[in-house]
Amino acid sequence: MTAVSRVAGDNLIVDELYYSYDGILPIFQGMNVKVEPGEFLAILGPSGCGKTTMLNLLSGFYAPDRGSVRLCGNPITPEDPNLGYVFQAANLFPWLTAVENVEFGLKMNGNLSSADRREKANHFLQLVGLAGFENYLPSRLSGGMKQRVSLARTLVLEPNLLLMDEPFAALDAITRESMNDELLRLWDELGQSVVFITHDIDEAIYLSDRILVLSRPPNGIFREVKNELPRPRSGPTTRTAELFWEYKKQLMSDIAAVTKESPRDKAEMVELGITMSN
């Protein structure tokens, strides 16, 4: 069986980042963020505050107007092997089995033999709790199982930084909480730095070491919250702790304040042909 090595999380630094749509409509102005090695950072905010835009900047899919995004001292690029991305939808190839989906990135890299790829893919499916489902097509898997395959497909490449764009948003509440626990178990075992986008206050508190609440564009960060909840975290114990509820009350107040901020003028955005990302 393939041994699981603990990945050393990388340092991500966003320095004086400016970004605007078409150079006209400012989204971020002088944004500064630092993610420590092995840190779990949650980014929280209502729709339209630029969370997904920020993640696209952190991944190198978007280029800033000014400033920089660096991973371990180097400018970020989408093809950086130290970078892993988990999307809102599982985006599995429907004609490939679970294990073939997980193997896909390894096959593209071309560094392993067919037998070694299969062994590693099977191991990571086992790691995410899908032993016995290796040969199932996506059509036979539940929503939560598909997201587990998606997570295994990213983790099998052993990235140092994991960017997650609301990966559990489409799941029912019970499955979502189960996936939160699964993610924390994997993070504790593998050690990646994580940037996790969410609309869900409870999820942000339960998972993170630190939470950034985003304002409406172009105001940037509304509040930074250092999460002092002890680890390891357990659903019933953590979610009913007094400190959990103190954070929740503060963050609910913050989100309400952000929501009351003046949104972009829709007529202005339509005129510019712009659709806001989350």
Protein backbone atom coordinates (compact mmCIF):
# COMPACT_ATOMS: atom_id res chain seq x y z
CA MET A 1 0.00 0.00 0.00
CA THR A 2 1.25 3.47 -0.87
CA ALA A 3 2.37 5.44 2.19
CA VAL A 4 0.76 8.81 2.81
CA SER A 5 3.34 11.54 3.27
CA ARG A 6 2.49 14.71 5.15
CA VAL A 7 2.66 17.67 2.75
CA ALA A 8 4.30 20.82 4.07
CA GLY A 9 1.89 23.69 3.50
CA ASP A 10 3.30 26.65 1.61
CA ASN A 11 3.31 30.31 2.49
CA LEU A 12 0.89 32.32 0.34
CA ILE A 13 1.33 36.10 0.25
CA VAL A 14 -1.00 38.61 -1.41
CA ASP A 15 0.78 41.97 -1.50
CA GLU A 16 -1.00 45.26 -2.29
CA LEU A 17 -3.30 43.60 -4.81
CA TYR A 18 -5.44 45.75 -7.09
CA TYR A 19 -7.97 44.22 -9.45
CA SER A 20 -10.74 45.67 -11.58
CA TYR A 21 -13.05 44.37 -14.28
CA ASP A 22 -11.82 45.61 -17.66
CA GLY A 23 -9.67 48.14 -15.84
CA ILE A 24 -12.82 50.15 -15.08
CA LEU A 25 -14.76 48.71 -12.14
CA PRO A 26 -12.54 48.23 -9.05
CA ILE A 27 -13.03 45.03 -7.06
CA PHE A 28 -10.00 45.03 -4.76
CA GLN A 29 -7.79 47.98 -3.91
CA GLY A 30 -4.58 47.32 -1.98
CA MET A 31 -5.60 43.87 -0.67
CA ASN A 32 -3.07 42.21 1.66
CA VAL A 33 -3.42 38.58 2.82
CA LYS A 34 -0.92 36.11 4.22
CA VAL A 35 -1.59 32.39 4.64
CA GLU A 36 0.87 30.65 6.93
CA PRO A 37 2.21 27.16 6.16
CA GLY A 38 -0.40 24.59 7.17
CA GLU A 39 -3.01 27.23 8.03
CA PHE A 40 -6.73 26.78 7.31
CA LEU A 41 -8.12 30.15 6.18
CA ALA A 42 -11.84 30.63 5.53
CA ILE A 43 -13.10 33.51 3.38
CA LEU A 44 -16.68 34.47 4.20
CA GLY A 45 -19.11 36.94 2.70
CA PRO A 46 -22.46 37.40 0.98
CA SER A 47 -22.96 36.95 -2.76
CA GLY A 48 -21.38 39.72 -4.80
CA CYS A 49 -18.51 40.51 -2.42
CA GLY A 50 -15.84 39.02 -4.71
CA LYS A 51 -15.02 35.72 -2.96
CA THR A 52 -14.74 33.66 -6.14
CA THR A 53 -12.92 36.52 -7.89
CA MET A 54 -10.42 36.50 -5.05
CA LEU A 55 -9.92 32.74 -5.38
CA ASN A 56 -9.33 33.14 -9.12
CA LEU A 57 -6.65 35.71 -8.30
CA LEU A 58 -5.07 33.41 -5.71
CA SER A 59 -4.95 30.57 -8.26
CA GLY A 60 -3.49 32.69 -11.05
CA PHE A 61 -6.57 32.33 -13.29
CA TYR A 62 -6.93 36.12 -13.07
CA ALA A 63 -3.98 38.51 -13.20
CA PRO A 64 -4.00 41.51 -10.84
CA ASP A 65 -3.81 45.04 -12.22
CA ARG A 66 -1.11 45.78 -9.64
CA GLY A 67 0.47 43.94 -6.75
CA SER A 68 1.37 40.27 -6.54
CA VAL A 69 0.29 36.82 -5.42
CA ARG A 70 3.19 34.59 -4.42
CA LEU A 71 3.35 30.98 -3.32
CA CYS A 72 6.54 30.10 -1.46
CA GLY A 73 8.13 33.25 -2.89
CA ASN A 74 7.23 32.59 -6.54
CA PRO A 75 4.50 34.26 -8.65
CA ILE A 76 1.41 32.05 -8.72
CA THR A 77 0.36 30.33 -11.94
CA PRO A 78 -2.60 27.97 -12.57
CA GLU A 79 -0.26 25.15 -13.62
CA ASP A 80 1.85 25.34 -10.42
CA PRO A 81 2.14 21.72 -9.16
CA ASN A 82 2.03 23.01 -5.58
CA LEU A 83 -1.51 24.30 -6.16
CA GLY A 84 -4.70 22.24 -5.91
CA TYR A 85 -8.21 23.49 -6.72
CA VAL A 86 -11.55 21.99 -5.62
CA PHE A 87 -14.58 23.48 -7.38
CA GLN A 88 -18.21 23.98 -6.33
CA ALA A 89 -19.23 21.12 -8.64
CA ALA A 90 -17.39 17.80 -8.67
CA ASN A 91 -16.82 18.08 -12.45
CA LEU A 92 -16.04 14.39 -12.88
CA PHE A 93 -15.69 12.80 -16.29
CA PRO A 94 -18.96 10.83 -16.56
CA TRP A 95 -17.46 8.11 -18.78
CA LEU A 96 -14.61 7.37 -16.34
CA THR A 97 -14.90 5.34 -13.15
CA ALA A 98 -14.05 6.84 -9.77
CA VAL A 99 -10.52 5.49 -9.81
CA GLU A 100 -9.98 6.58 -13.43
CA ASN A 101 -11.11 10.10 -12.52
CA VAL A 102 -8.60 10.19 -9.67
CA GLU A 103 -5.87 8.82 -11.95
CA PHE A 104 -6.47 11.45 -14.61
CA GLY A 105 -4.08 14.12 -13.27
CA LEU A 106 -1.40 11.54 -12.56
CA LYS A 107 -1.70 10.30 -16.12
CA MET A 108 -1.32 13.84 -17.48
CA ASN A 109 1.82 14.32 -15.39
CA GLY A 110 3.32 11.16 -16.90
CA ASN A 111 5.61 10.52 -13.93
CA LEU A 112 4.24 7.14 -12.84
CA SER A 113 3.70 3.77 -14.44
CA SER A 114 0.13 2.59 -15.03
CA ALA A 115 0.36 0.20 -12.06
CA ASP A 116 1.73 2.88 -9.73
CA ARG A 117 -0.96 5.35 -10.84
CA ARG A 118 -3.67 2.83 -10.08
CA GLU A 119 -2.19 1.96 -6.69
CA LYS A 120 -1.93 5.62 -5.69
CA ALA A 121 -5.42 6.47 -6.95
CA ASN A 122 -6.92 3.52 -5.07
CA HIS A 123 -5.10 4.60 -1.93
CA PHE A 124 -6.48 8.13 -2.03
CA LEU A 125 -9.99 6.84 -2.68
CA GLN A 126 -9.57 4.71 0.43
CA LEU A 127 -8.29 7.79 2.26
CA VAL A 128 -11.51 9.71 1.48
CA GLY A 129 -13.68 6.77 2.51
CA LEU A 130 -14.53 5.29 -0.90
CA ALA A 131 -12.88 1.88 -0.72
CA GLY A 132 -15.10 -0.50 -2.66
CA PHE A 133 -16.39 2.19 -5.04
CA GLU A 134 -13.32 2.40 -7.27
CA ASN A 135 -15.08 1.03 -10.36
CA TYR A 136 -18.33 2.98 -10.02
CA LEU A 137 -19.24 5.54 -12.67
CA PRO A 138 -20.22 9.01 -11.36
CA SER A 139 -23.86 8.36 -12.28
CA ARG A 140 -23.96 5.67 -9.57
CA LEU A 141 -22.51 7.91 -6.84
CA SER A 142 -24.32 10.27 -4.47
CA GLY A 143 -23.49 13.98 -4.36
CA GLY A 144 -21.29 13.55 -1.32
CA MET A 145 -19.45 10.62 -2.88
CA LYS A 146 -18.81 12.61 -6.05
CA GLN A 147 -17.25 15.39 -3.96
CA ARG A 148 -15.07 12.81 -2.22
CA VAL A 149 -13.83 11.62 -5.63
CA SER A 150 -13.18 15.24 -6.61
CA LEU A 151 -11.24 15.79 -3.39
CA ALA A 152 -9.22 12.60 -3.92
CA ARG A 153 -8.45 13.68 -7.51
CA THR A 154 -6.91 16.88 -6.15
CA LEU A 155 -5.15 15.38 -3.12
CA VAL A 156 -3.54 12.55 -5.12
CA LEU A 157 -1.34 15.20 -6.78
CA GLU A 158 -0.10 16.19 -3.30
CA PRO A 159 -0.39 19.97 -3.64
CA ASN A 160 0.94 22.19 -0.86
CA LEU A 161 -1.87 24.74 -1.15
CA LEU A 162 -5.52 23.74 -1.51
CA LEU A 163 -8.00 26.33 -2.84
CA MET A 164 -11.61 25.29 -2.23
CA ASP A 165 -14.55 27.17 -3.77
CA GLU A 166 -17.66 26.24 -1.74
CA PRO A 167 -17.12 22.52 -2.42
CA PHE A 168 -19.98 21.37 -0.18
CA ALA A 169 -22.56 24.06 -0.98
CA ALA A 170 -24.80 21.72 -3.01
CA LEU A 171 -24.92 18.98 -0.36
CA ASP A 172 -27.66 18.44 2.22
CA ALA A 173 -26.93 19.63 5.77
CA ILE A 174 -26.10 16.19 7.22
CA THR A 175 -23.78 15.24 4.35
CA ARG A 176 -22.16 18.68 4.48
CA GLU A 177 -21.29 18.33 8.17
CA SER A 178 -19.91 14.86 7.48
CA MET A 179 -17.73 16.27 4.69
CA ASN A 180 -16.52 19.04 7.03
CA ASP A 181 -15.29 16.36 9.44
CA GLU A 182 -13.73 14.40 6.57
CA LEU A 183 -11.90 17.47 5.31
CA LEU A 184 -10.50 18.27 8.76
CA ARG A 185 -9.29 14.68 9.14
CA LEU A 186 -7.51 14.82 5.78
CA TRP A 187 -6.07 18.28 6.46
CA ASP A 188 -4.72 17.13 9.81
CA GLU A 189 -3.17 14.05 8.20
CA LEU A 190 -1.74 15.67 5.05
CA GLY A 191 -0.88 19.18 6.27
CA GLN A 192 -1.73 21.41 3.29
CA SER A 193 -2.43 25.11 3.62
CA VAL A 194 -6.12 25.63 2.77
CA VAL A 195 -8.07 28.65 1.54
CA PHE A 196 -11.77 27.82 1.80
CA ILE A 197 -14.52 29.98 0.29
CA THR A 198 -17.97 29.73 1.89
CA HIS A 199 -21.28 31.53 2.45
CA ASP A 200 -21.89 29.43 5.56
CA ILE A 201 -20.94 30.98 8.91
CA ASP A 202 -21.05 27.69 10.85
CA GLU A 203 -18.82 26.01 8.26
CA ALA A 204 -16.28 28.84 8.38
CA ILE A 205 -16.08 28.67 12.18
CA TYR A 206 -15.94 24.88 12.38
CA LEU A 207 -13.15 24.45 9.83
CA SER A 208 -10.81 27.39 10.11
CA ASP A 209 -7.87 28.77 12.02
CA ARG A 210 -8.75 32.24 10.79
CA ILE A 211 -11.68 33.88 9.00
CA LEU A 212 -11.68 36.85 6.61
CA VAL A 213 -15.02 38.58 6.13
CA LEU A 214 -15.12 40.43 2.80
CA SER A 215 -16.86 43.76 2.26
CA ARG A 216 -18.65 44.87 -0.86
CA PRO A 217 -16.17 45.81 -3.61
CA PRO A 218 -13.87 47.61 -3.54
CA ASN A 219 -13.62 47.79 0.26
CA GLY A 220 -11.65 44.57 0.76
CA ILE A 221 -11.52 42.91 4.17
CA PHE A 222 -14.28 43.93 6.59
CA ARG A 223 -12.96 41.92 9.54
CA GLU A 224 -10.34 39.31 10.38
CA VAL A 225 -11.21 36.78 13.08
CA LYS A 226 -8.60 34.57 14.73
CA ASN A 227 -10.38 31.31 15.54
CA GLU A 228 -9.33 30.06 18.99
CA LEU A 229 -11.58 27.00 19.08
CA PRO A 230 -9.44 24.04 20.23
CA ARG A 231 -8.46 21.21 17.90
CA PRO A 232 -9.24 18.46 17.17
CA ARG A 233 -12.83 19.54 16.60
CA SER A 234 -15.88 17.35 17.11
CA GLY A 235 -19.28 18.18 15.64
CA PRO A 236 -21.51 18.10 18.76
CA THR A 237 -18.85 19.38 21.17
CA THR A 238 -17.46 22.14 18.96
CA ARG A 239 -20.74 23.35 17.47
CA THR A 240 -22.34 23.76 20.92
CA ALA A 241 -19.33 25.42 22.58
CA GLU A 242 -19.85 28.92 24.01
CA LEU A 243 -16.95 30.28 21.97
CA PHE A 244 -18.48 28.89 18.76
CA TRP A 245 -21.67 30.85 19.47
CA GLU A 246 -19.71 34.00 20.30
CA TYR A 247 -18.00 33.80 16.91
CA LYS A 248 -21.32 33.09 15.21
CA LYS A 249 -23.01 36.14 16.75
CA GLN A 250 -20.10 38.37 15.73
CA LEU A 251 -19.99 37.03 12.18
CA MET A 252 -23.76 37.26 11.75
CA SER A 253 -23.49 40.92 12.75
CA ASP A 254 -20.59 41.43 10.32
CA ILE A 255 -22.46 39.83 7.41
CA ALA A 256 -25.53 41.94 8.17
CA ALA A 257 -23.37 45.07 8.12
CA VAL A 258 -21.73 44.06 4.83
CA THR A 259 -25.12 43.30 3.28
CA LYS A 260 -26.28 46.82 4.14
CA GLU A 261 -23.32 48.37 2.31
CA SER A 262 -24.26 49.98 -0.98
CA PRO A 263 -24.04 47.34 -3.74
CA ARG A 264 -22.74 48.11 -7.20
CA ASP A 265 -25.14 50.04 -9.32
CA LYS A 266 -26.67 47.36 -11.56
CA ALA A 267 -27.28 49.78 -14.42
CA GLU A 268 -23.60 50.72 -14.36
CA MET A 269 -22.56 47.05 -14.46
CA VAL A 270 -24.94 46.19 -17.29
CA GLU A 271 -23.65 49.14 -19.27
CA LEU A 272 -20.10 47.83 -18.81
CA GLY A 273 -21.17 44.26 -19.66
CA ILE A 274 -20.00 42.95 -16.29
CA THR A 275 -21.37 40.08 -14.23
CA MET A 276 -20.14 39.96 -10.63
CA SER A 277 -18.57 36.77 -9.33
CA ASN A 278 -19.32 35.64 -5.83
